PDB file of N, CA and C in Angstrom:
ATOM      1  N   MET A   1       7.704   5.006  12.590  1.00  0.00           N
ATOM      2  CA  MET A   1       7.571   3.621  12.972  1.00  0.00           C
ATOM      3  C   MET A   1       6.097   3.230  12.954  1.00  0.00           C
ATOM      4  N   ILE A   2       5.839   2.030  12.514  1.00  0.00           N
ATOM      5  CA  ILE A   2       4.472   1.536  12.425  1.00  0.00           C
ATOM      6  C   ILE A   2       4.052   0.964  13.773  1.00  0.00           C
ATOM      7  N   GLU A   3       2.916   1.433  14.270  1.00  0.00           N
ATOM      8  CA  GLU A   3       2.414   0.933  15.543  1.00  0.00           C
ATOM      9  C   GLU A   3       1.775  -0.427  15.358  1.00  0.00           C
ATOM     10  N   HIS A   4       1.983  -1.304  16.308  1.00  0.00           N
ATOM     11  CA  HIS A   4       1.363  -2.626  16.267  1.00  0.00           C
ATOM     12  C   HIS A   4      -0.133  -2.487  16.549  1.00  0.00           C
ATOM     13  N   GLY A   5      -0.964  -3.098  15.725  1.00  0.00           N
ATOM     14  CA  GLY A   5      -2.410  -3.041  15.925  1.00  0.00           C
ATOM     15  C   GLY A   5      -3.048  -1.751  15.472  1.00  0.00           C
ATOM     16  N   TYR A   6      -2.462  -1.089  14.491  1.00  0.00           N
ATOM     17  CA  TYR A   6      -3.009   0.194  14.036  1.00  0.00           C
ATOM     18  C   TYR A   6      -4.349   0.039  13.329  1.00  0.00           C
ATOM     19  N   LEU A   7      -4.681  -1.162  12.889  1.00  0.00           N
ATOM     20  CA  LEU A   7      -5.937  -1.369  12.164  1.00  0.00           C
ATOM     21  C   LEU A   7      -7.158  -1.279  13.077  1.00  0.00           C
ATOM     22  N   ARG A   8      -6.966  -1.387  14.373  1.00  0.00           N
ATOM     23  CA  ARG A   8      -8.098  -1.309  15.305  1.00  0.00           C
ATOM     24  C   ARG A   8      -8.754   0.061  15.318  1.00  0.00           C
ATOM     25  N   ASN A   9      -8.027   1.098  14.944  1.00  0.00           N
ATOM     26  CA  ASN A   9      -8.538   2.471  15.006  1.00  0.00           C
ATOM     27  C   ASN A   9      -9.283   2.887  13.740  1.00  0.00           C
ATOM     28  N   HIS A  10      -9.285   2.045  12.730  1.00  0.00           N
ATOM     29  CA  HIS A  10      -9.920   2.391  11.460  1.00  0.00           C
ATOM     30  C   HIS A  10     -11.354   1.891  11.403  1.00  0.00           C
ATOM     31  N   HIS A  11     -12.198   2.673  10.730  1.00  0.00           N
ATOM     32  CA  HIS A  11     -13.582   2.264  10.535  1.00  0.00           C
ATOM     33  C   HIS A  11     -13.744   1.501   9.227  1.00  0.00           C
ATOM     34  N   ILE A  12     -13.097   1.945   8.170  1.00  0.00           N
ATOM     35  CA  ILE A  12     -13.209   1.304   6.857  1.00  0.00           C
ATOM     36  C   ILE A  12     -12.142   0.233   6.685  1.00  0.00           C
ATOM     37  N   LEU A  13     -10.931   0.534   7.110  1.00  0.00           N
ATOM     38  CA  LEU A  13      -9.812  -0.373   6.886  1.00  0.00           C
ATOM     39  C   LEU A  13      -9.764  -1.425   7.992  1.00  0.00           C
ATOM     40  N   ASN A  14      -9.741  -2.693   7.590  1.00  0.00           N
ATOM     41  CA  ASN A  14      -9.583  -3.786   8.537  1.00  0.00           C
ATOM     42  C   ASN A  14      -8.569  -4.764   7.949  1.00  0.00           C
ATOM     43  N   LEU A  15      -8.370  -5.884   8.604  1.00  0.00           N
ATOM     44  CA  LEU A  15      -7.365  -6.836   8.161  1.00  0.00           C
ATOM     45  C   LEU A  15      -7.697  -7.418   6.784  1.00  0.00           C
ATOM     46  N   ARG A  16      -8.960  -7.640   6.525  1.00  0.00           N
ATOM     47  CA  ARG A  16      -9.377  -8.172   5.225  1.00  0.00           C
ATOM     48  C   ARG A  16      -9.123  -7.163   4.107  1.00  0.00           C
ATOM     49  N   MET A  17      -9.419  -5.900   4.365  1.00  0.00           N
ATOM     50  CA  MET A  17      -9.190  -4.859   3.359  1.00  0.00           C
ATOM     51  C   MET A  17      -7.697  -4.672   3.118  1.00  0.00           C
ATOM     52  N   ARG A  18      -6.884  -4.727   4.184  1.00  0.00           N
ATOM     53  CA  ARG A  18      -5.438  -4.589   4.019  1.00  0.00           C
ATOM     54  C   ARG A  18      -4.882  -5.735   3.179  1.00  0.00           C
ATOM     55  N   SER A  19      -5.357  -6.958   3.414  1.00  0.00           N
ATOM     56  CA  SER A  19      -4.867  -8.087   2.622  1.00  0.00           C
ATOM     57  C   SER A  19      -5.269  -7.937   1.157  1.00  0.00           C
ATOM     58  N   TYR A  20      -6.458  -7.393   0.898  1.00  0.00           N
ATOM     59  CA  TYR A  20      -6.868  -7.124  -0.480  1.00  0.00           C
ATOM     60  C   TYR A  20      -5.927  -6.100  -1.123  1.00  0.00           C
ATOM     61  N   LEU A  21      -5.579  -5.047  -0.394  1.00  0.00           N
ATOM     62  CA  LEU A  21      -4.704  -4.006  -0.941  1.00  0.00           C
ATOM     63  C   LEU A  21      -3.300  -4.548  -1.204  1.00  0.00           C
ATOM     64  N   VAL A  22      -2.802  -5.392  -0.313  1.00  0.00           N
ATOM     65  CA  VAL A  22      -1.481  -5.987  -0.521  1.00  0.00           C
ATOM     66  C   VAL A  22      -1.502  -6.890  -1.751  1.00  0.00           C
ATOM     67  N   ARG A  23      -2.557  -7.697  -1.917  1.00  0.00           N
ATOM     68  CA  ARG A  23      -2.686  -8.527  -3.114  1.00  0.00           C
ATOM     69  C   ARG A  23      -2.770  -7.671  -4.378  1.00  0.00           C
ATOM     70  N   HIS A  24      -3.459  -6.550  -4.267  1.00  0.00           N
ATOM     71  CA  HIS A  24      -3.575  -5.629  -5.402  1.00  0.00           C
ATOM     72  C   HIS A  24      -2.199  -5.093  -5.804  1.00  0.00           C
ATOM     73  N   ILE A  25      -1.404  -4.704  -4.821  1.00  0.00           N
ATOM     74  CA  ILE A  25      -0.049  -4.215  -5.094  1.00  0.00           C
ATOM     75  C   ILE A  25       0.793  -5.324  -5.725  1.00  0.00           C
ATOM     76  N   PHE A  26       0.682  -6.544  -5.200  1.00  0.00           N
ATOM     77  CA  PHE A  26       1.456  -7.656  -5.755  1.00  0.00           C
ATOM     78  C   PHE A  26       1.029  -7.979  -7.182  1.00  0.00           C
ATOM     79  N   ARG A  27      -0.275  -7.900  -7.484  1.00  0.00           N
ATOM     80  CA  ARG A  27      -0.746  -8.161  -8.850  1.00  0.00           C
ATOM     81  C   ARG A  27      -0.175  -7.144  -9.834  1.00  0.00           C
ATOM     82  N   ILE A  28      -0.211  -5.883  -9.451  1.00  0.00           N
ATOM     83  CA  ILE A  28       0.327  -4.845 -10.330  1.00  0.00           C
ATOM     84  C   ILE A  28       1.828  -5.024 -10.501  1.00  0.00           C
ATOM     85  N   SER A  29       2.516  -5.361  -9.429  1.00  0.00           N
ATOM     86  CA  SER A  29       3.964  -5.570  -9.506  1.00  0.00           C
ATOM     87  C   SER A  29       4.309  -6.740 -10.413  1.00  0.00           C
ATOM     88  N   HIS A  30       3.543  -7.812 -10.309  1.00  0.00           N
ATOM     89  CA  HIS A  30       3.797  -8.971 -11.157  1.00  0.00           C
ATOM     90  C   HIS A  30       3.493  -8.659 -12.619  1.00  0.00           C
ATOM     91  N   LYS A  31       2.436  -7.918 -12.843  1.00  0.00           N
ATOM     92  CA  LYS A  31       2.048  -7.578 -14.218  1.00  0.00           C
ATOM     93  C   LYS A  31       3.122  -6.752 -14.925  1.00  0.00           C
ATOM     94  N   HIS A  32       3.780  -5.873 -14.193  1.00  0.00           N
ATOM     95  CA  HIS A  32       4.781  -4.978 -14.785  1.00  0.00           C
ATOM     96  C   HIS A  32       6.217  -5.426 -14.505  1.00  0.00           C
ATOM     97  N   ASP A  33       6.384  -6.624 -13.948  1.00  0.00           N
ATOM     98  CA  ASP A  33       7.715  -7.190 -13.655  1.00  0.00           C
ATOM     99  C   ASP A  33       8.577  -6.240 -12.830  1.00  0.00           C
ATOM    100  N   LEU A  34       8.029  -5.772 -11.722  1.00  0.00           N
ATOM    101  CA  LEU A  34       8.767  -4.878 -10.832  1.00  0.00           C
ATOM    102  C   LEU A  34       9.641  -5.688  -9.880  1.00  0.00           C
ATOM    103  N   LEU A  35      10.622  -5.036  -9.312  1.00  0.00           N
ATOM    104  CA  LEU A  35      11.500  -5.689  -8.346  1.00  0.00           C
ATOM    105  C   LEU A  35      10.742  -6.001  -7.058  1.00  0.00           C
ATOM    106  N   ARG A  36      11.198  -7.039  -6.359  1.00  0.00           N
ATOM    107  CA  ARG A  36      10.559  -7.378  -5.083  1.00  0.00           C
ATOM    108  C   ARG A  36      10.725  -6.275  -4.056  1.00  0.00           C
ATOM    109  N   THR A  37      11.870  -5.632  -4.071  1.00  0.00           N
ATOM    110  CA  THR A  37      12.086  -4.555  -3.103  1.00  0.00           C
ATOM    111  C   THR A  37      11.104  -3.411  -3.330  1.00  0.00           C
ATOM    112  N   THR A  38      10.740  -3.181  -4.573  1.00  0.00           N
ATOM    113  CA  THR A  38       9.740  -2.154  -4.881  1.00  0.00           C
ATOM    114  C   THR A  38       8.400  -2.516  -4.264  1.00  0.00           C
ATOM    115  N   THR A  39       8.017  -3.763  -4.404  1.00  0.00           N
ATOM    116  CA  THR A  39       6.738  -4.221  -3.866  1.00  0.00           C
ATOM    117  C   THR A  39       6.717  -4.126  -2.348  1.00  0.00           C
ATOM    118  N   TYR A  40       7.772  -4.604  -1.696  1.00  0.00           N
ATOM    119  CA  TYR A  40       7.823  -4.563  -0.236  1.00  0.00           C
ATOM    120  C   TYR A  40       7.887  -3.130   0.278  1.00  0.00           C
ATOM    121  N   LEU A  41       8.584  -2.274  -0.427  1.00  0.00           N
ATOM    122  CA  LEU A  41       8.650  -0.872  -0.040  1.00  0.00           C
ATOM    123  C   LEU A  41       7.279  -0.207  -0.172  1.00  0.00           C
ATOM    124  N   ALA A  42       6.528  -0.562  -1.204  1.00  0.00           N
ATOM    125  CA  ALA A  42       5.182  -0.014  -1.382  1.00  0.00           C
ATOM    126  C   ALA A  42       4.257  -0.439  -0.243  1.00  0.00           C
ATOM    127  N   VAL A  43       4.344  -1.700   0.170  1.00  0.00           N
ATOM    128  CA  VAL A  43       3.523  -2.177   1.290  1.00  0.00           C
ATOM    129  C   VAL A  43       3.935  -1.474   2.578  1.00  0.00           C
ATOM    130  N   HIS A  44       5.219  -1.257   2.750  1.00  0.00           N
ATOM    131  CA  HIS A  44       5.701  -0.540   3.940  1.00  0.00           C
ATOM    132  C   HIS A  44       5.185   0.901   3.959  1.00  0.00           C
ATOM    133  N   TYR A  45       5.268   1.587   2.824  1.00  0.00           N
ATOM    134  CA  TYR A  45       4.739   2.949   2.741  1.00  0.00           C
ATOM    135  C   TYR A  45       3.242   2.977   3.029  1.00  0.00           C
ATOM    136  N   MET A  46       2.522   1.994   2.515  1.00  0.00           N
ATOM    137  CA  MET A  46       1.086   1.932   2.750  1.00  0.00           C
ATOM    138  C   MET A  46       0.790   1.752   4.241  1.00  0.00           C
ATOM    139  N   ASP A  47       1.522   0.869   4.901  1.00  0.00           N
ATOM    140  CA  ASP A  47       1.320   0.674   6.335  1.00  0.00           C
ATOM    141  C   ASP A  47       1.668   1.926   7.137  1.00  0.00           C
ATOM    142  N   LEU A  48       2.735   2.603   6.738  1.00  0.00           N
ATOM    143  CA  LEU A  48       3.094   3.856   7.416  1.00  0.00           C
ATOM    144  C   LEU A  48       1.993   4.896   7.279  1.00  0.00           C
ATOM    145  N   TYR A  49       1.443   5.017   6.092  1.00  0.00           N
ATOM    146  CA  TYR A  49       0.387   6.004   5.865  1.00  0.00           C
ATOM    147  C   TYR A  49      -0.867   5.656   6.656  1.00  0.00           C
ATOM    148  N   PHE A  50      -1.268   4.396   6.604  1.00  0.00           N
ATOM    149  CA  PHE A  50      -2.481   3.984   7.304  1.00  0.00           C
ATOM    150  C   PHE A  50      -2.330   4.033   8.818  1.00  0.00           C
ATOM    151  N   SER A  51      -1.098   3.947   9.318  1.00  0.00           N
ATOM    152  CA  SER A  51      -0.910   4.042  10.768  1.00  0.00           C
ATOM    153  C   SER A  51      -1.023   5.485  11.266  1.00  0.00           C
ATOM    154  N   ARG A  52      -0.964   6.444  10.347  1.00  0.00           N
ATOM    155  CA  ARG A  52      -1.044   7.847  10.752  1.00  0.00           C
ATOM    156  C   ARG A  52      -2.341   8.542  10.340  1.00  0.00           C
ATOM    157  N   VAL A  53      -2.992   8.067   9.296  1.00  0.00           N
ATOM    158  CA  VAL A  53      -4.224   8.682   8.803  1.00  0.00           C
ATOM    159  C   VAL A  53      -5.378   7.728   9.076  1.00  0.00           C
ATOM    160  N   PHE A  54      -6.436   8.238   9.729  1.00  0.00           N
ATOM    161  CA  PHE A  54      -7.517   7.361  10.169  1.00  0.00           C
ATOM    162  C   PHE A  54      -8.861   7.638   9.509  1.00  0.00           C
ATOM    163  N   ASN A  55      -9.026   8.744   8.833  1.00  0.00           N
ATOM    164  CA  ASN A  55     -10.339   9.051   8.271  1.00  0.00           C
ATOM    165  C   ASN A  55     -10.302   8.935   6.745  1.00  0.00           C
ATOM    166  N   PHE A  56     -11.133   8.018   6.241  1.00  0.00           N
ATOM    167  CA  PHE A  56     -11.276   7.804   4.811  1.00  0.00           C
ATOM    168  C   PHE A  56     -12.747   7.889   4.462  1.00  0.00           C
ATOM    169  N   ARG A  57     -13.032   8.389   3.283  1.00  0.00           N
ATOM    170  CA  ARG A  57     -14.430   8.498   2.847  1.00  0.00           C
ATOM    171  C   ARG A  57     -15.003   7.149   2.441  1.00  0.00           C
ATOM    172  N   ASP A  58     -14.222   6.377   1.672  1.00  0.00           N
ATOM    173  CA  ASP A  58     -14.708   5.090   1.199  1.00  0.00           C
ATOM    174  C   ASP A  58     -13.529   4.170   0.889  1.00  0.00           C
ATOM    175  N   GLN A  59     -13.833   2.966   0.426  1.00  0.00           N
ATOM    176  CA  GLN A  59     -12.790   1.982   0.153  1.00  0.00           C
ATOM    177  C   GLN A  59     -11.982   2.339  -1.096  1.00  0.00           C
ATOM    178  N   PHE A  60     -12.576   3.086  -2.001  1.00  0.00           N
ATOM    179  CA  PHE A  60     -11.847   3.479  -3.215  1.00  0.00           C
ATOM    180  C   PHE A  60     -10.671   4.388  -2.882  1.00  0.00           C
ATOM    181  N   GLU A  61     -10.807   5.160  -1.841  1.00  0.00           N
ATOM    182  CA  GLU A  61      -9.706   6.030  -1.424  1.00  0.00           C
ATOM    183  C   GLU A  61      -8.523   5.210  -0.909  1.00  0.00           C
ATOM    184  N   THR A  62      -8.808   4.089  -0.245  1.00  0.00           N
ATOM    185  CA  THR A  62      -7.714   3.237   0.236  1.00  0.00           C
ATOM    186  C   THR A  62      -6.990   2.563  -0.927  1.00  0.00           C
ATOM    187  N   VAL A  63      -7.720   2.221  -1.982  1.00  0.00           N
ATOM    188  CA  VAL A  63      -7.086   1.648  -3.174  1.00  0.00           C
ATOM    189  C   VAL A  63      -6.199   2.692  -3.848  1.00  0.00           C
ATOM    190  N   ALA A  64      -6.663   3.923  -3.877  1.00  0.00           N
ATOM    191  CA  ALA A  64      -5.854   5.005  -4.453  1.00  0.00           C
ATOM    192  C   ALA A  64      -4.578   5.220  -3.643  1.00  0.00           C
ATOM    193  N   VAL A  65      -4.673   5.104  -2.331  1.00  0.00           N
ATOM    194  CA  VAL A  65      -3.487   5.242  -1.474  1.00  0.00           C
ATOM    195  C   VAL A  65      -2.495   4.120  -1.770  1.00  0.00           C
ATOM    196  N   ALA A  66      -2.988   2.888  -1.913  1.00  0.00           N
ATOM    197  CA  ALA A  66      -2.105   1.760  -2.212  1.00  0.00           C
ATOM    198  C   ALA A  66      -1.398   1.954  -3.550  1.00  0.00           C
ATOM    199  N   GLN A  67      -2.120   2.407  -4.553  1.00  0.00           N
ATOM    200  CA  GLN A  67      -1.507   2.631  -5.858  1.00  0.00           C
ATOM    201  C   GLN A  67      -0.503   3.774  -5.824  1.00  0.00           C
ATOM    202  N   THR A  68      -0.793   4.794  -5.048  1.00  0.00           N
ATOM    203  CA  THR A  68       0.144   5.903  -4.906  1.00  0.00           C
ATOM    204  C   THR A  68       1.421   5.451  -4.204  1.00  0.00           C
ATOM    205  N   CYS A  69       1.291   4.606  -3.193  1.00  0.00           N
ATOM    206  CA  CYS A  69       2.473   4.077  -2.502  1.00  0.00           C
ATOM    207  C   CYS A  69       3.330   3.249  -3.444  1.00  0.00           C
ATOM    208  N   LEU A  70       2.684   2.474  -4.311  1.00  0.00           N
ATOM    209  CA  LEU A  70       3.439   1.705  -5.297  1.00  0.00           C
ATOM    210  C   LEU A  70       4.144   2.635  -6.283  1.00  0.00           C
ATOM    211  N   PHE A  71       3.488   3.690  -6.694  1.00  0.00           N
ATOM    212  CA  PHE A  71       4.097   4.650  -7.610  1.00  0.00           C
ATOM    213  C   PHE A  71       5.324   5.313  -6.973  1.00  0.00           C
ATOM    214  N   ILE A  72       5.214   5.696  -5.715  1.00  0.00           N
ATOM    215  CA  ILE A  72       6.350   6.319  -5.017  1.00  0.00           C
ATOM    216  C   ILE A  72       7.498   5.323  -4.877  1.00  0.00           C
ATOM    217  N   ALA A  73       7.180   4.080  -4.538  1.00  0.00           N
ATOM    218  CA  ALA A  73       8.225   3.059  -4.414  1.00  0.00           C
ATOM    219  C   ALA A  73       8.904   2.805  -5.754  1.00  0.00           C
ATOM    220  N   MET A  74       8.136   2.857  -6.844  1.00  0.00           N
ATOM    221  CA  MET A  74       8.726   2.689  -8.170  1.00  0.00           C
ATOM    222  C   MET A  74       9.694   3.815  -8.484  1.00  0.00           C
ATOM    223  N   LYS A  75       9.381   5.009  -8.050  1.00  0.00           N
ATOM    224  CA  LYS A  75      10.270   6.139  -8.297  1.00  0.00           C
ATOM    225  C   LYS A  75      11.613   5.965  -7.589  1.00  0.00           C
ATOM    226  N   TYR A  76      11.609   5.300  -6.439  1.00  0.00           N
ATOM    227  CA  TYR A  76      12.862   5.091  -5.705  1.00  0.00           C
ATOM    228  C   TYR A  76      13.658   3.899  -6.211  1.00  0.00           C
ATOM    229  N   GLU A  77      12.988   2.806  -6.546  1.00  0.00           N
ATOM    230  CA  GLU A  77      13.682   1.547  -6.786  1.00  0.00           C
ATOM    231  C   GLU A  77      13.895   1.184  -8.245  1.00  0.00           C
ATOM    232  N   GLU A  78      12.965   1.471  -9.094  1.00  0.00           N
ATOM    233  CA  GLU A  78      13.035   0.993 -10.471  1.00  0.00           C
ATOM    234  C   GLU A  78      13.934   1.883 -11.326  1.00  0.00           C
ATOM    235  N   ILE A  79      14.782   1.256 -12.115  1.00  0.00           N
ATOM    236  CA  ILE A  79      15.649   2.001 -13.043  1.00  0.00           C
ATOM    237  C   ILE A  79      14.847   2.404 -14.276  1.00  0.00           C
ATOM    238  N   TYR A  80      14.065   1.445 -14.792  1.00  0.00           N
ATOM    239  CA  TYR A  80      13.222   1.694 -15.961  1.00  0.00           C
ATOM    240  C   TYR A  80      11.772   1.398 -15.588  1.00  0.00           C
ATOM    241  N   PRO A  81      11.083   2.371 -14.964  1.00  0.00           N
ATOM    242  CA  PRO A  81       9.687   2.106 -14.572  1.00  0.00           C
ATOM    243  C   PRO A  81       8.790   1.994 -15.810  1.00  0.00           C
ATOM    244  N   PRO A  82       7.704   1.216 -15.655  1.00  0.00           N
ATOM    245  CA  PRO A  82       6.805   1.049 -16.814  1.00  0.00           C
ATOM    246  C   PRO A  82       6.036   2.312 -17.140  1.00  0.00           C
TER     247      PRO A  82
END
């Protein structure tokens, strides 16, 4: 379960960075015509991961996490992934 206010414990990740990552996931989903459930599942996985892991080296690592969450969601939801 995702804790409410989990972003307060992060040093690199804040609300602005999370909104950037969500927009990034939506852009990739739109570009490849993915299902909406895939996109929402990827954002959910990203929130679950960020609510449990608090130490990141830099912002590029958070982008890699977002892309990995989208990849995992594609494996579950998409019949013909790109």
